[in-house]
Amino acid sequence: MTSTAPTLPAAVTRMRELAHSAACAAAIRAAVRLGLPDALGDTPATADELAAAVRADPGALRRLLRALTCYDVFAAEGDRFVHTETSRLLREDAPRGVKYNALWATEPWTWELWPRLDEAVRTGRSVFPDLHGAGFFEYLHAEAPESAAVFDRAMTQSSKLSNQAVADVLDVGGAEVLADIAGGQGQVLATVLERHAGLRGVLLDLPSVVAGADPRLTEGGALAGRARLVPGDCLESIPVEADLYLFKNILEWDDASTVLALRNAAAAARPGARVVVVENLVDDSPEPRFTTAMDLLLLLNVGGKKHTRDGLLGLVRAAGLRVVDVRPVNSYLHLVETVVPG
């Protein structure tokens, strides 16, 4: 006679998986740092073969792969492992890769912050300065240059996923100069300049960031004659006069800092100049798990947030800008177009 073992309620199973979900993030980070996605090609490989390629312990690597296959990051075919659509995104050569986004989300400082989320929720403030005695980006560039480099590459990857869509919807009509504010390496700026031969561009970001600008914008690059690189901090001033100012996915600090950056743009601009903000809105996102996770991480590291539509429009108006239009960029980004009043 056989008997069926009682099963746990689905809610219990689900909650246990959620409570241990840090293991999934850690496993993804380990795979990337080992070079596993790049070591596995189109031919199925055993754990022993992959261990030899990445110089890992075969037994431990088999356990890592077993865990990742539970999340469809890699798949098993007998005793061999193969890529999935998801695991291929972690390869260095993936056209729409998220390797550096995965690393950025699991940098060492993140594991220090998450256990203190209850403290951040009680106070409504970042816990980072208490842990490290410095602001997040100050610490990053002074004490964690490797993490800062990961951040730059993660932002570049994010831009690659969206820069064509932004260029499609950004109206540059009547503009002679486009200023990409805190634009990282200038991927979006370069894409827009390639589309519009008569347009000139300015990239403003921290000195260490513009030093690694997109090769198309630097000396000898195809767009160098129409591009200017300006080291600076938009929270201090924006020493650039332009017809169109672009803030893409960077107005995620505390409200006061967001308003300050927009006011600095308005102060630098002539009346009638346009200021365009591109953000993914927390109340209109098809990826609510990702967006809300980022929202909480922003609370922890810089005291910032992902905005609601009404919240962002309120900050734009508080900066003295007049809202002209709000429209979607793609499935997860929105564009807010504003004008500097006369």
Protein backbone atom coordinates (compact mmCIF):
# COMPACT_ATOMS: atom_id res chain seq x y z
CA MET A 1 0.00 0.00 0.00
CA THR A 2 1.30 3.42 -0.88
CA SER A 3 0.51 6.67 0.85
CA THR A 4 0.84 10.23 -0.29
CA ALA A 5 2.95 12.51 1.85
CA PRO A 6 1.10 15.64 2.97
CA THR A 7 2.13 18.77 1.10
CA LEU A 8 2.75 22.17 2.58
CA PRO A 9 0.28 24.93 1.72
CA ALA A 10 1.37 26.83 -1.39
CA ALA A 11 1.65 30.05 0.62
CA VAL A 12 4.18 28.42 2.97
CA THR A 13 6.27 27.17 0.05
CA ARG A 14 6.14 30.56 -1.61
CA MET A 15 7.13 32.45 1.53
CA ARG A 16 10.08 30.16 2.21
CA GLU A 17 11.31 30.72 -1.35
CA LEU A 18 10.94 34.49 -1.00
CA ALA A 19 12.73 34.55 2.34
CA HIS A 20 15.70 32.74 0.78
CA SER A 21 15.66 34.71 -2.49
CA ALA A 22 18.97 36.38 -1.62
CA ALA A 23 20.53 33.03 -2.56
CA CYS A 24 19.36 33.52 -6.14
CA ALA A 25 20.91 36.99 -6.37
CA ALA A 26 24.13 35.69 -4.83
CA ALA A 27 24.21 32.75 -7.25
CA ILE A 28 23.81 35.06 -10.25
CA ARG A 29 26.64 37.26 -8.96
CA ALA A 30 28.87 34.23 -8.39
CA ALA A 31 28.21 32.94 -11.91
CA VAL A 32 29.12 36.30 -13.44
CA ARG A 33 32.25 36.76 -11.34
CA LEU A 34 33.40 33.23 -12.18
CA GLY A 35 32.91 33.95 -15.87
CA LEU A 36 30.48 31.04 -16.19
CA PRO A 37 28.12 32.56 -18.80
CA ASP A 38 31.07 33.29 -21.09
CA ALA A 39 32.71 29.91 -20.48
CA LEU A 40 29.59 28.04 -21.61
CA GLY A 41 29.17 28.28 -25.36
CA ASP A 42 26.61 26.71 -27.67
CA THR A 43 27.74 23.16 -26.87
CA PRO A 44 26.37 21.51 -23.70
CA ALA A 45 29.07 21.06 -21.06
CA THR A 46 29.44 19.11 -17.84
CA ALA A 47 30.10 20.73 -14.50
CA ASP A 48 33.61 19.21 -14.57
CA GLU A 49 34.34 20.80 -17.96
CA LEU A 50 33.03 24.18 -16.85
CA ALA A 51 34.91 23.95 -13.55
CA ALA A 52 38.16 23.45 -15.44
CA ALA A 53 37.35 26.44 -17.66
CA VAL A 54 36.62 28.83 -14.77
CA ARG A 55 39.05 27.28 -12.25
CA ALA A 56 36.42 26.25 -9.74
CA ASP A 57 35.76 23.21 -7.58
CA PRO A 58 33.67 20.80 -9.69
CA GLY A 59 31.37 19.72 -6.87
CA ALA A 60 30.67 23.26 -5.69
CA LEU A 61 30.13 24.48 -9.25
CA ARG A 62 27.64 21.68 -9.86
CA ARG A 63 25.71 22.87 -6.80
CA LEU A 64 25.75 26.47 -8.07
CA LEU A 65 24.45 25.38 -11.47
CA ARG A 66 21.77 23.23 -9.85
CA ALA A 67 20.54 26.25 -7.90
CA LEU A 68 20.53 28.49 -10.96
CA THR A 69 18.59 26.00 -13.09
CA CYS A 70 15.76 26.28 -10.53
CA TYR A 71 15.36 29.89 -11.74
CA ASP A 72 15.85 29.04 -15.45
CA VAL A 73 19.27 30.66 -15.39
CA PHE A 74 20.96 27.80 -17.30
CA ALA A 75 19.22 24.47 -17.92
CA ALA A 76 20.25 20.84 -17.46
CA GLU A 77 20.27 18.16 -20.15
CA GLY A 78 21.22 15.00 -18.31
CA ASP A 79 24.60 15.66 -16.72
CA ARG A 80 25.31 18.61 -19.01
CA PHE A 81 24.34 22.24 -18.79
CA VAL A 82 23.16 24.61 -21.52
CA HIS A 83 22.32 28.26 -21.85
CA THR A 84 18.82 29.64 -21.54
CA GLU A 85 17.56 32.92 -22.94
CA THR A 86 18.05 34.34 -19.43
CA SER A 87 21.59 33.11 -18.82
CA ARG A 88 22.75 34.43 -22.20
CA LEU A 89 21.96 37.95 -20.99
CA LEU A 90 24.89 37.59 -18.56
CA ARG A 91 27.45 37.09 -21.34
CA GLU A 92 29.85 39.91 -22.15
CA ASP A 93 28.86 39.77 -25.83
CA ALA A 94 25.07 39.77 -25.31
CA PRO A 95 23.49 42.49 -27.53
CA ARG A 96 20.93 43.35 -24.85
CA GLY A 97 22.99 42.13 -21.93
CA VAL A 98 22.49 42.91 -18.26
CA LYS A 99 25.76 41.50 -16.87
CA TYR A 100 26.81 44.73 -15.19
CA ASN A 101 23.29 45.49 -14.00
CA ALA A 102 23.36 42.12 -12.23
CA LEU A 103 26.72 42.93 -10.66
CA TRP A 104 25.59 46.42 -9.64
CA ALA A 105 22.51 45.03 -7.88
CA THR A 106 24.70 42.68 -5.84
CA GLU A 107 27.76 44.81 -5.03
CA PRO A 108 29.18 44.29 -1.50
CA TRP A 109 27.59 47.47 -0.13
CA THR A 110 24.11 46.22 -1.06
CA TRP A 111 24.41 43.30 1.37
CA GLU A 112 25.25 45.77 4.14
CA LEU A 113 22.20 47.93 3.42
CA TRP A 114 19.32 45.50 2.98
CA PRO A 115 19.31 44.22 6.61
CA ARG A 116 18.75 47.85 7.72
CA LEU A 117 15.69 48.49 5.57
CA ASP A 118 13.44 48.62 8.64
CA GLU A 119 15.57 51.50 9.98
CA ALA A 120 15.30 53.38 6.69
CA VAL A 121 11.53 52.86 6.66
CA ARG A 122 11.20 54.17 10.23
CA THR A 123 13.24 57.29 9.55
CA GLY A 124 12.58 57.84 5.85
CA ARG A 125 16.32 58.43 5.38
CA SER A 126 19.31 56.71 3.83
CA VAL A 127 21.30 54.49 6.18
CA PHE A 128 24.46 54.69 4.05
CA PRO A 129 26.13 57.71 5.72
CA ASP A 130 25.81 56.09 9.15
CA LEU A 131 27.52 52.96 7.86
CA HIS A 132 30.36 54.60 5.95
CA GLY A 133 30.65 58.15 7.24
CA ALA A 134 30.16 59.58 3.76
CA GLY A 135 27.50 60.04 1.13
CA PHE A 136 26.95 57.17 -1.28
CA PHE A 137 28.63 58.54 -4.42
CA GLU A 138 31.39 60.22 -2.41
CA TYR A 139 32.18 56.84 -0.86
CA LEU A 140 31.86 55.02 -4.16
CA HIS A 141 34.44 57.11 -6.00
CA ALA A 142 36.82 57.52 -3.06
CA GLU A 143 36.68 54.10 -1.40
CA ALA A 144 35.19 51.66 -3.90
CA PRO A 145 36.56 52.44 -7.38
CA GLU A 146 35.81 48.92 -8.64
CA SER A 147 32.17 49.34 -7.67
CA ALA A 148 32.13 52.79 -9.29
CA ALA A 149 33.40 51.19 -12.51
CA VAL A 150 30.62 48.58 -12.31
CA PHE A 151 28.11 51.41 -11.88
CA ASP A 152 29.37 53.19 -15.00
CA ARG A 153 29.15 50.01 -17.06
CA ALA A 154 25.71 49.17 -15.66
CA MET A 155 24.44 52.62 -16.65
CA THR A 156 25.92 52.14 -20.11
CA GLN A 157 24.11 48.81 -20.46
CA SER A 158 20.87 50.41 -19.31
CA SER A 159 21.32 53.18 -21.86
CA LYS A 160 21.87 50.65 -24.64
CA LEU A 161 18.51 49.10 -23.78
CA SER A 162 16.70 52.42 -24.12
CA ASN A 163 18.74 54.98 -26.07
CA GLN A 164 17.22 54.15 -29.46
CA ALA A 165 13.72 54.48 -28.01
CA VAL A 166 14.59 57.84 -26.43
CA ALA A 167 16.06 59.09 -29.72
CA ASP A 168 12.85 58.03 -31.46
CA VAL A 169 10.58 60.16 -29.26
CA LEU A 170 12.84 63.09 -28.33
CA ASP A 171 11.76 66.16 -30.27
CA VAL A 172 14.88 68.20 -31.11
CA GLY A 173 13.07 70.51 -33.50
CA GLY A 174 14.37 74.08 -33.23
CA ALA A 175 17.27 73.07 -31.00
CA GLU A 176 20.89 73.79 -31.87
CA VAL A 177 22.43 72.47 -28.64
CA LEU A 178 21.35 69.45 -26.59
CA ALA A 179 22.80 69.12 -23.07
CA ASP A 180 22.76 65.63 -21.58
CA ILE A 181 22.89 66.27 -17.83
CA ALA A 182 24.53 63.59 -15.67
CA GLY A 183 24.46 61.57 -18.87
CA GLY A 184 27.12 59.05 -17.91
CA GLN A 185 29.27 58.04 -20.84
CA GLY A 186 26.97 59.80 -23.28
CA GLN A 187 25.37 56.84 -25.06
CA VAL A 188 22.04 58.60 -25.46
CA LEU A 189 23.67 61.87 -26.55
CA ALA A 190 25.75 60.09 -29.18
CA THR A 191 22.69 58.27 -30.50
CA VAL A 192 20.70 61.50 -30.83
CA LEU A 193 23.61 63.34 -32.50
CA GLU A 194 23.94 60.54 -35.04
CA ARG A 195 20.27 61.01 -35.92
CA HIS A 196 20.47 64.81 -36.32
CA ALA A 197 23.46 66.07 -38.29
CA GLY A 198 22.88 69.75 -37.49
CA LEU A 199 22.69 69.27 -33.73
CA ARG A 200 25.52 69.95 -31.29
CA GLY A 201 25.76 68.28 -27.90
CA VAL A 202 27.17 68.75 -24.42
CA LEU A 203 27.76 65.93 -21.95
CA LEU A 204 27.94 67.01 -18.30
CA ASP A 205 28.87 64.57 -15.56
CA LEU A 206 31.43 64.04 -12.82
CA PRO A 207 35.06 64.31 -13.99
CA SER A 208 35.75 60.60 -13.54
CA VAL A 209 32.67 59.77 -15.61
CA VAL A 210 33.24 62.04 -18.60
CA ALA A 211 36.84 60.81 -18.67
CA GLY A 212 35.40 57.52 -19.92
CA ALA A 213 32.93 59.03 -22.38
CA ASP A 214 31.67 57.17 -25.43
CA PRO A 215 34.51 57.07 -28.02
CA ARG A 216 32.19 58.65 -30.57
CA LEU A 217 32.23 61.85 -28.49
CA THR A 218 35.92 62.03 -27.62
CA GLU A 219 38.87 63.33 -29.62
CA GLY A 220 39.12 61.48 -32.89
CA GLY A 221 35.59 60.16 -32.61
CA ALA A 222 32.98 60.51 -35.33
CA LEU A 223 30.99 63.07 -33.31
CA ALA A 224 33.84 64.88 -31.55
CA GLY A 225 33.45 67.98 -33.71
CA ARG A 226 29.89 68.45 -32.52
CA ALA A 227 30.29 67.37 -28.89
CA ARG A 228 31.70 69.03 -25.81
CA LEU A 229 32.52 67.22 -22.56
CA VAL A 230 31.99 69.23 -19.39
CA PRO A 231 33.09 67.84 -16.02
CA GLY A 232 30.76 69.00 -13.28
CA ASP A 233 28.07 68.22 -10.74
CA CYS A 234 24.51 69.17 -11.65
CA LEU A 235 23.66 69.52 -7.96
CA GLU A 236 26.16 72.38 -7.74
CA SER A 237 25.59 74.14 -11.06
CA ILE A 238 25.00 73.49 -14.74
CA PRO A 239 27.42 75.80 -16.59
CA VAL A 240 25.91 75.02 -19.97
CA GLU A 241 23.60 77.12 -22.14
CA ALA A 242 21.51 74.91 -24.38
CA ASP A 243 18.17 74.83 -26.14
CA LEU A 244 17.27 71.40 -24.80
CA TYR A 245 18.33 69.80 -21.49
CA LEU A 246 17.94 66.06 -20.96
CA PHE A 247 17.77 64.30 -17.58
CA LYS A 248 17.49 60.56 -18.19
CA ASN A 249 17.04 58.15 -15.27
CA ILE A 250 19.02 60.26 -12.82
CA LEU A 251 16.40 62.30 -10.91
CA GLU A 252 16.07 59.61 -8.27
CA TRP A 253 17.59 61.40 -5.29
CA ASP A 254 15.65 62.95 -2.42
CA ASP A 255 13.03 65.47 -3.52
CA ALA A 256 15.12 68.51 -2.57
CA SER A 257 18.06 67.33 -4.72
CA THR A 258 15.79 66.58 -7.66
CA VAL A 259 14.30 70.07 -7.50
CA LEU A 260 17.77 71.59 -7.12
CA ALA A 261 19.10 69.87 -10.25
CA LEU A 262 16.11 71.03 -12.29
CA ARG A 263 16.41 74.58 -10.94
CA ASN A 264 20.08 74.61 -11.90
CA ALA A 265 19.08 73.74 -15.46
CA ALA A 266 16.42 76.45 -15.48
CA ALA A 267 18.95 78.97 -14.16
CA ALA A 268 21.39 78.13 -16.94
CA ALA A 269 18.80 78.19 -19.70
CA ARG A 270 17.28 80.96 -21.73
CA PRO A 271 13.51 81.52 -21.45
CA GLY A 272 11.78 79.12 -23.78
CA ALA A 273 14.45 76.42 -23.54
CA ARG A 274 13.11 72.94 -22.95
CA VAL A 275 13.96 70.57 -20.10
CA VAL A 276 13.10 66.91 -20.73
CA VAL A 277 12.97 64.29 -17.98
CA VAL A 278 12.94 60.56 -18.81
CA GLU A 279 12.10 58.17 -15.95
CA ASN A 280 10.34 54.89 -15.27
CA LEU A 281 7.38 55.65 -13.03
CA VAL A 282 6.65 53.38 -10.09
CA ASP A 283 2.87 53.61 -10.52
CA ASP A 284 2.92 52.89 -14.26
CA SER A 285 5.51 50.14 -14.64
CA PRO A 286 5.04 46.76 -16.30
CA GLU A 287 7.95 45.55 -14.12
CA PRO A 288 6.65 46.34 -10.63
CA ARG A 289 8.98 43.91 -8.82
CA PHE A 290 12.07 45.46 -10.38
CA THR A 291 10.84 49.04 -10.00
CA THR A 292 9.78 48.68 -6.37
CA ALA A 293 13.05 46.91 -5.53
CA MET A 294 14.99 49.79 -7.06
CA ASP A 295 12.79 52.23 -5.17
CA LEU A 296 13.72 50.61 -1.84
CA LEU A 297 17.42 50.43 -2.75
CA LEU A 298 17.36 54.14 -3.58
CA LEU A 299 15.88 54.82 -0.14
CA LEU A 300 18.74 52.88 1.44
CA ASN A 301 21.71 54.28 -0.47
CA VAL A 302 20.88 57.90 -1.31
CA GLY A 303 17.55 58.54 0.39
CA GLY A 304 15.99 58.71 -3.07
CA LYS A 305 13.00 57.18 -4.79
CA LYS A 306 11.33 56.06 -7.96
CA HIS A 307 8.64 58.61 -8.69
CA THR A 308 4.94 58.38 -9.22
CA ARG A 309 3.61 60.37 -12.14
CA ASP A 310 2.01 63.01 -9.92
CA GLY A 311 5.04 63.13 -7.64
CA LEU A 312 7.46 63.78 -10.49
CA LEU A 313 5.24 66.43 -12.06
CA GLY A 314 5.00 68.15 -8.67
CA LEU A 315 8.80 68.32 -8.38
CA VAL A 316 9.13 69.63 -11.93
CA ARG A 317 6.67 72.43 -11.17
CA ALA A 318 8.40 73.16 -7.85
CA ALA A 319 11.57 73.80 -9.86
CA GLY A 320 9.75 76.54 -11.76
CA LEU A 321 9.27 74.62 -14.99
CA ARG A 322 6.05 74.48 -17.00
CA VAL A 323 4.89 71.00 -18.02
CA VAL A 324 4.11 70.74 -21.74
CA ASP A 325 3.62 67.03 -22.32
CA VAL A 326 3.93 63.56 -20.78
CA ARG A 327 4.25 60.60 -23.14
CA PRO A 328 5.58 57.03 -23.12
CA VAL A 329 9.04 56.27 -24.46
CA ASN A 330 8.67 52.49 -24.46
CA SER A 331 7.07 49.86 -22.24
CA TYR A 332 8.77 51.10 -19.06
CA LEU A 333 9.93 54.71 -19.58
CA HIS A 334 8.01 58.00 -19.74
CA LEU A 335 9.12 61.37 -21.05
CA VAL A 336 8.11 64.62 -19.35
CA GLU A 337 8.66 67.69 -21.52
CA THR A 338 8.83 71.08 -19.84
CA VAL A 339 9.66 74.66 -20.77
CA VAL A 340 11.61 77.34 -18.92
CA PRO A 341 9.12 80.22 -18.47
CA GLY A 342 9.90 83.67 -19.82
